[in-house]
Amino acid sequence: MKRLLIFNLAIILFLGSNSIFAQSEDDKTGLLGDNFSLEGALDMFKNAANLEAFEEALNSENNYVNNLDLNDDDEIDYIRIEDNMENDIHAIVLQALISEDEVQDIAVIEIERTGDESATLQIVGDEYLYGEDVFVEAFEEEGTSSGKGGPNADSKISRIVVNVWGWPSVRFVYRPNYVVYRSPFRWRHYPRTWRPWRPLSWTVYHGKRFHYKRNYRVVHTRRVVNARKIYTPRRKSSSTVVKKSKTVTRVRTNNNGKKVATRNKTTTKVRKNKNGKVNAKTTKKSAKVKKGKNGKVKTKKTKTKKVKKRGN
């Protein structure tokens, strides 16, 4: 009997681990942002008393928000916070320190006050890490029902956007005497209590951060419009990260529900030479990555051509 119980327990654990692995693969996009949880960052912001506490929470190993190693030195990158404020609008930047001369924006928390006791908030992932138009926001579920009740009653659950005015961190940045926060830390000058750790594998990291998804969702609609105008002129990118983002393999779901992997595309440049002739040079196109029946990756590159067109 004891052996049977142990055997059944082993089967349950095996099936559970397979389920977690499958879920992990479904959430993986192949982009650099897979190693930083936007949902986790919002959760840290929601519960922080101020921006200094928020920065500390982001860089805590035990919170499993940050798993980025953008400079490939086998150490987690430090994330610093910089607030950009104009009137009742905030663009709070989460920025990774890459080297002595390079920083990379990871995401921006955009907040706009909409009333005496109301505010709208989204965190926006940087395009080089998450792709275009990736917004994460808090939500609450609201149930409605029709009919007289009982087993035949129709019920519907809808998700509504949260008024974030009650968050301590939001109230903090809207205090009358608030001084705009800019992190004092820079490359190799970190808090005394912080020590970098080695990045986790994707499967382990995903399992640690997955619970953050319960109260936050990814959307593709911008709700905070004016914060972008404040942030865009101040956006910072690392050439190291930009090059990496162009070589990563994106994983997406096609119309048939199948996972498709593609690399970033390059463009065709058209220019005129000294004689006024048009030279159209097609750069190398993206390589399509497909898995064969045996599970091995097959890469098929498209051909490139150099076209010259002479004027009359």
Protein backbone atom coordinates (compact mmCIF):
# COMPACT_ATOMS: atom_id res chain seq x y z
CA MET A 1 0.00 0.00 0.00
CA LYS A 2 2.82 2.39 0.90
CA ARG A 3 4.55 1.73 -2.41
CA LEU A 4 1.31 2.40 -4.27
CA LEU A 5 0.88 5.76 -2.54
CA ILE A 6 4.45 6.74 -3.39
CA PHE A 7 3.93 5.69 -7.00
CA ASN A 8 0.69 7.71 -7.28
CA LEU A 9 2.37 10.74 -5.72
CA ALA A 10 5.23 10.48 -8.21
CA ILE A 11 2.72 10.37 -11.10
CA ILE A 12 0.94 13.48 -9.78
CA LEU A 13 4.21 15.39 -9.41
CA PHE A 14 5.31 14.34 -12.89
CA LEU A 15 2.04 15.47 -14.50
CA GLY A 16 2.11 18.70 -12.52
CA SER A 17 5.66 19.51 -13.62
CA ASN A 18 4.73 18.81 -17.24
CA SER A 19 1.74 21.14 -16.92
CA ILE A 20 3.91 23.92 -15.50
CA PHE A 21 6.48 23.42 -18.26
CA ALA A 22 3.78 23.58 -20.96
CA GLN A 23 2.38 26.75 -19.42
CA SER A 24 5.88 28.20 -19.27
CA GLU A 25 6.45 27.56 -22.98
CA ASP A 26 3.09 29.14 -23.85
CA ASP A 27 4.10 32.38 -22.10
CA LYS A 28 7.55 32.54 -23.66
CA THR A 29 7.88 35.08 -26.49
CA GLY A 30 11.60 34.74 -27.19
CA LEU A 31 12.10 38.49 -26.60
CA LEU A 32 14.47 40.00 -24.05
CA GLY A 33 11.55 41.11 -21.90
CA ASP A 34 10.79 37.51 -20.98
CA ASN A 35 13.25 38.02 -18.13
CA PHE A 36 11.52 41.00 -16.53
CA SER A 37 7.98 40.76 -15.19
CA LEU A 38 5.95 43.87 -15.94
CA GLU A 39 3.16 42.45 -13.78
CA GLY A 40 5.62 41.92 -10.93
CA ALA A 41 6.94 45.47 -11.30
CA LEU A 42 3.39 46.84 -10.99
CA ASP A 43 2.81 44.73 -7.90
CA MET A 44 5.99 46.11 -6.30
CA PHE A 45 4.89 49.66 -7.19
CA LYS A 46 1.40 49.13 -5.80
CA ASN A 47 2.69 48.05 -2.40
CA ALA A 48 5.64 50.45 -2.07
CA ALA A 49 5.36 53.46 0.26
CA ASN A 50 7.54 55.60 -2.02
CA LEU A 51 9.77 55.36 -5.11
CA GLU A 52 12.90 54.58 -3.11
CA ALA A 53 11.15 51.56 -1.58
CA PHE A 54 9.90 50.62 -5.05
CA GLU A 55 13.45 50.59 -6.43
CA GLU A 56 14.60 48.42 -3.54
CA ALA A 57 11.76 45.94 -4.10
CA LEU A 58 12.52 45.68 -7.83
CA ASN A 59 16.12 44.74 -7.07
CA SER A 60 15.29 42.16 -4.41
CA GLU A 61 16.26 38.64 -5.42
CA ASN A 62 13.39 37.15 -3.40
CA ASN A 63 10.70 39.05 -5.31
CA TYR A 64 11.58 37.38 -8.65
CA VAL A 65 10.71 40.42 -10.76
CA ASN A 66 14.09 41.02 -12.41
CA ASN A 67 15.98 38.25 -14.19
CA LEU A 68 17.75 40.45 -16.76
CA ASP A 69 21.37 40.07 -17.80
CA LEU A 70 21.46 42.34 -20.83
CA ASN A 71 25.25 42.72 -20.92
CA ASP A 72 25.87 38.95 -20.62
CA ASP A 73 28.22 39.19 -17.64
CA ASP A 74 26.35 36.38 -15.81
CA GLU A 75 25.10 38.86 -13.20
CA ILE A 76 21.65 40.40 -12.79
CA ASP A 77 21.45 44.02 -13.98
CA TYR A 78 20.61 46.70 -11.44
CA ILE A 79 17.36 48.61 -12.16
CA ARG A 80 17.17 52.26 -11.15
CA ILE A 81 14.15 54.58 -11.08
CA GLU A 82 13.80 58.04 -12.62
CA ASP A 83 10.58 60.03 -12.42
CA ASN A 84 9.68 62.60 -15.09
CA MET A 85 6.85 64.88 -14.01
CA GLU A 86 4.83 67.64 -15.63
CA ASN A 87 1.75 68.99 -13.82
CA ASP A 88 -0.45 65.98 -12.92
CA ILE A 89 1.35 63.52 -15.21
CA HIS A 90 4.19 61.16 -14.29
CA ALA A 91 6.43 58.99 -16.48
CA ILE A 92 8.42 56.81 -14.07
CA VAL A 93 11.24 55.08 -15.94
CA LEU A 94 12.70 51.69 -14.97
CA GLN A 95 16.24 51.70 -16.31
CA ALA A 96 18.89 48.94 -16.42
CA LEU A 97 22.55 49.82 -15.95
CA ILE A 98 24.47 48.10 -18.77
CA SER A 99 27.97 49.58 -18.51
CA GLU A 100 29.83 52.73 -17.56
CA ASP A 101 28.44 54.50 -20.63
CA GLU A 102 25.22 52.62 -21.42
CA VAL A 103 21.76 52.36 -19.89
CA GLN A 104 18.62 50.72 -21.23
CA ASP A 105 15.03 51.68 -20.46
CA ILE A 106 13.06 48.58 -19.50
CA ALA A 107 9.61 50.06 -19.02
CA VAL A 108 7.74 53.23 -18.06
CA ILE A 109 4.99 53.54 -15.46
CA GLU A 110 2.66 56.20 -16.85
CA ILE A 111 0.22 57.90 -14.46
CA GLU A 112 -2.35 60.57 -15.11
CA ARG A 113 -4.63 62.12 -12.51
CA THR A 114 -8.24 62.10 -13.74
CA GLY A 115 -10.02 63.62 -10.74
CA ASP A 116 -9.68 64.71 -7.11
CA GLU A 117 -9.41 61.09 -6.02
CA SER A 118 -8.87 59.14 -9.22
CA ALA A 119 -5.91 58.25 -11.42
CA THR A 120 -5.17 55.99 -14.39
CA LEU A 121 -1.96 53.94 -14.62
CA GLN A 122 -0.26 51.59 -17.06
CA ILE A 123 3.25 50.18 -17.34
CA VAL A 124 4.59 50.20 -20.90
CA GLY A 125 7.30 47.76 -21.97
CA ASP A 126 10.16 49.13 -24.06
CA GLU A 127 9.89 48.15 -27.72
CA TYR A 128 13.37 46.62 -27.85
CA LEU A 129 12.47 44.20 -25.06
CA TYR A 130 8.74 43.57 -25.52
CA GLY A 131 7.82 44.59 -29.05
CA GLU A 132 5.37 47.32 -29.97
CA ASP A 133 2.41 48.45 -27.86
CA VAL A 134 2.67 46.18 -24.83
CA PHE A 135 0.81 47.70 -21.87
CA VAL A 136 0.08 46.09 -18.50
CA GLU A 137 -2.57 47.35 -16.10
CA ALA A 138 -4.33 46.31 -12.91
CA PHE A 139 -7.87 44.99 -13.19
CA GLU A 140 -10.75 43.81 -11.03
CA GLU A 141 -13.48 41.33 -11.88
CA GLU A 142 -17.10 42.41 -11.66
CA GLY A 143 -19.93 39.90 -11.93
CA THR A 144 -23.39 40.64 -13.35
CA SER A 145 -26.38 38.33 -13.66
CA SER A 146 -29.72 38.32 -15.45
CA GLY A 147 -32.92 36.47 -14.69
CA LYS A 148 -34.50 35.59 -11.35
CA GLY A 149 -31.56 33.61 -10.06
CA GLY A 150 -31.24 29.90 -9.49
CA PRO A 151 -29.46 27.38 -11.71
CA ASN A 152 -30.89 28.91 -14.91
CA ALA A 153 -29.66 32.45 -14.22
CA ASP A 154 -27.21 33.91 -16.72
CA SER A 155 -24.06 35.38 -15.19
CA LYS A 156 -21.24 37.34 -16.76
CA ILE A 157 -17.86 38.34 -15.33
CA SER A 158 -16.20 41.44 -16.77
CA ARG A 159 -12.83 43.00 -16.03
CA ILE A 160 -12.77 46.65 -15.10
CA VAL A 161 -9.81 49.05 -14.94
CA VAL A 162 -8.70 49.90 -11.41
CA ASN A 163 -8.68 53.41 -9.99
CA VAL A 164 -5.13 53.47 -8.58
CA TRP A 165 -5.56 56.58 -6.42
CA GLY A 166 -5.59 54.40 -3.29
CA TRP A 167 -2.11 52.96 -3.98
CA PRO A 168 0.42 54.38 -1.46
CA SER A 169 2.99 54.99 -4.21
CA VAL A 170 0.50 57.00 -6.28
CA ARG A 171 -0.52 59.12 -3.31
CA PHE A 172 3.19 59.66 -2.61
CA VAL A 173 4.00 61.19 -6.03
CA TYR A 174 0.95 63.47 -5.82
CA ARG A 175 1.78 64.94 -2.42
CA PRO A 176 1.97 68.76 -2.44
CA ASN A 177 5.58 68.69 -1.22
CA TYR A 178 6.75 65.83 -3.46
CA VAL A 179 10.33 66.16 -4.72
CA VAL A 180 10.83 64.41 -8.07
CA TYR A 181 12.74 61.18 -7.41
CA ARG A 182 15.90 60.36 -9.36
CA SER A 183 17.91 57.34 -8.27
CA PRO A 184 21.38 58.26 -6.94
CA PHE A 185 22.86 54.97 -8.16
CA ARG A 186 24.90 54.32 -11.29
CA TRP A 187 27.22 51.68 -12.80
CA ARG A 188 29.31 50.05 -10.06
CA HIS A 189 27.84 52.38 -7.46
CA TYR A 190 24.97 50.38 -5.97
CA PRO A 191 23.27 50.25 -2.55
CA ARG A 192 25.46 48.67 0.10
CA THR A 193 22.87 45.99 0.77
CA TRP A 194 22.55 44.93 -2.89
CA ARG A 195 24.57 42.12 -4.43
CA PRO A 196 23.94 40.81 -7.98
CA TRP A 197 22.99 37.17 -8.40
CA ARG A 198 23.17 34.75 -11.31
CA PRO A 199 20.19 34.67 -13.70
CA LEU A 200 17.72 31.80 -13.38
CA SER A 201 16.71 29.53 -16.24
CA TRP A 202 13.48 30.50 -18.01
CA THR A 203 11.47 27.59 -16.59
CA VAL A 204 12.50 28.28 -12.99
CA TYR A 205 12.05 32.03 -13.30
CA HIS A 206 8.63 31.71 -14.95
CA GLY A 207 7.40 29.48 -12.15
CA LYS A 208 8.52 32.03 -9.55
CA ARG A 209 6.88 35.04 -11.22
CA PHE A 210 3.71 33.47 -12.60
CA HIS A 211 1.50 34.43 -9.62
CA TYR A 212 1.85 38.12 -10.52
CA LYS A 213 -0.48 37.56 -13.49
CA ARG A 214 -3.51 37.07 -11.23
CA ASN A 215 -4.24 40.77 -10.74
CA TYR A 216 -2.69 42.31 -13.87
CA ARG A 217 -3.26 41.85 -17.57
CA VAL A 218 -1.53 42.66 -20.85
CA VAL A 219 -3.51 44.97 -23.15
CA HIS A 220 -2.73 46.73 -26.42
CA THR A 221 -4.70 49.94 -25.80
CA ARG A 222 -3.02 53.06 -24.44
CA ARG A 223 -5.05 54.71 -21.69
CA VAL A 224 -2.51 57.27 -20.46
CA VAL A 225 -1.91 59.45 -23.52
CA ASN A 226 -0.05 62.54 -22.35
CA ALA A 227 2.73 60.76 -20.41
CA ARG A 228 4.23 59.54 -23.69
CA LYS A 229 4.90 63.14 -24.72
CA ILE A 230 6.91 63.68 -21.55
CA TYR A 231 8.88 60.44 -21.82
CA THR A 232 9.70 60.13 -25.54
CA PRO A 233 12.35 62.92 -25.71
CA ARG A 234 14.07 61.35 -22.67
CA ARG A 235 14.05 57.73 -23.83
CA LYS A 236 17.43 55.97 -23.53
CA SER A 237 18.61 52.83 -25.30
CA SER A 238 21.80 50.82 -25.24
CA SER A 239 23.46 49.95 -28.54
CA THR A 240 24.31 46.55 -27.02
CA VAL A 241 20.64 45.84 -26.33
CA VAL A 242 19.48 47.18 -29.69
CA LYS A 243 21.82 44.77 -31.51
CA LYS A 244 20.66 41.86 -29.36
CA SER A 245 17.00 42.67 -29.95
CA LYS A 246 17.52 42.45 -33.72
CA THR A 247 18.95 38.94 -33.52
CA VAL A 248 16.57 37.30 -31.04
CA THR A 249 14.00 34.81 -32.26
CA ARG A 250 10.44 35.93 -31.68
CA VAL A 251 7.83 33.32 -30.86
CA ARG A 252 4.24 34.13 -31.78
CA THR A 253 0.96 32.32 -32.41
CA ASN A 254 -0.34 32.34 -35.98
CA ASN A 255 -3.97 32.24 -37.15
CA ASN A 256 -4.06 28.46 -36.82
CA GLY A 257 -2.98 28.58 -33.18
CA LYS A 258 0.50 27.21 -33.93
CA LYS A 259 3.73 28.63 -32.54
CA VAL A 260 5.83 30.34 -35.22
CA ALA A 261 9.39 31.59 -34.70
CA THR A 262 10.80 34.40 -36.83
CA ARG A 263 13.76 36.75 -36.61
CA ASN A 264 13.50 40.52 -37.02
CA LYS A 265 13.27 41.79 -40.58
CA THR A 266 15.58 44.28 -42.23
CA THR A 267 14.63 46.81 -44.87
CA THR A 268 15.50 47.63 -48.47
CA LYS A 269 17.55 50.80 -48.89
CA VAL A 270 17.23 52.89 -52.04
CA ARG A 271 19.80 55.57 -52.84
CA LYS A 272 21.28 57.53 -55.75
CA ASN A 273 24.97 57.46 -56.65
CA LYS A 274 27.09 60.37 -57.86
CA ASN A 275 25.91 59.92 -61.47
CA GLY A 276 22.24 60.18 -60.48
CA LYS A 277 21.64 56.46 -61.01
CA VAL A 278 19.37 54.62 -58.61
CA ASN A 279 20.95 51.75 -56.69
CA ALA A 280 18.50 49.53 -54.84
CA LYS A 281 20.25 47.18 -52.49
CA THR A 282 18.23 44.61 -50.63
CA THR A 283 19.67 43.75 -47.25
CA LYS A 284 19.50 40.26 -45.86
CA LYS A 285 15.98 39.23 -44.98
CA SER A 286 14.91 37.45 -41.85
CA ALA A 287 15.45 33.75 -41.40
CA LYS A 288 12.34 31.69 -40.78
CA VAL A 289 12.80 29.17 -38.03
CA LYS A 290 10.69 26.03 -38.08
CA LYS A 291 10.77 22.78 -36.16
CA GLY A 292 10.85 19.53 -38.07
CA LYS A 293 9.11 16.30 -37.12
CA ASN A 294 12.07 15.19 -35.04
CA GLY A 295 11.94 18.42 -33.02
CA LYS A 296 15.12 19.85 -34.55
CA VAL A 297 15.18 23.45 -35.70
CA LYS A 298 15.47 23.96 -39.46
CA THR A 299 16.51 27.40 -40.66
CA LYS A 300 15.74 28.45 -44.20
CA LYS A 301 17.18 31.76 -45.38
CA THR A 302 15.67 33.70 -48.26
CA LYS A 303 17.92 34.78 -51.10
CA THR A 304 19.11 38.33 -51.47
CA LYS A 305 19.64 40.25 -54.68
CA LYS A 306 21.49 43.38 -55.61
CA VAL A 307 19.55 45.45 -58.12
CA LYS A 308 20.90 48.37 -60.10
CA LYS A 309 18.77 50.63 -62.21
CA ARG A 310 20.31 53.07 -64.69
CA GLY A 311 18.73 56.32 -65.52
CA ASN A 312 17.78 57.31 -69.08
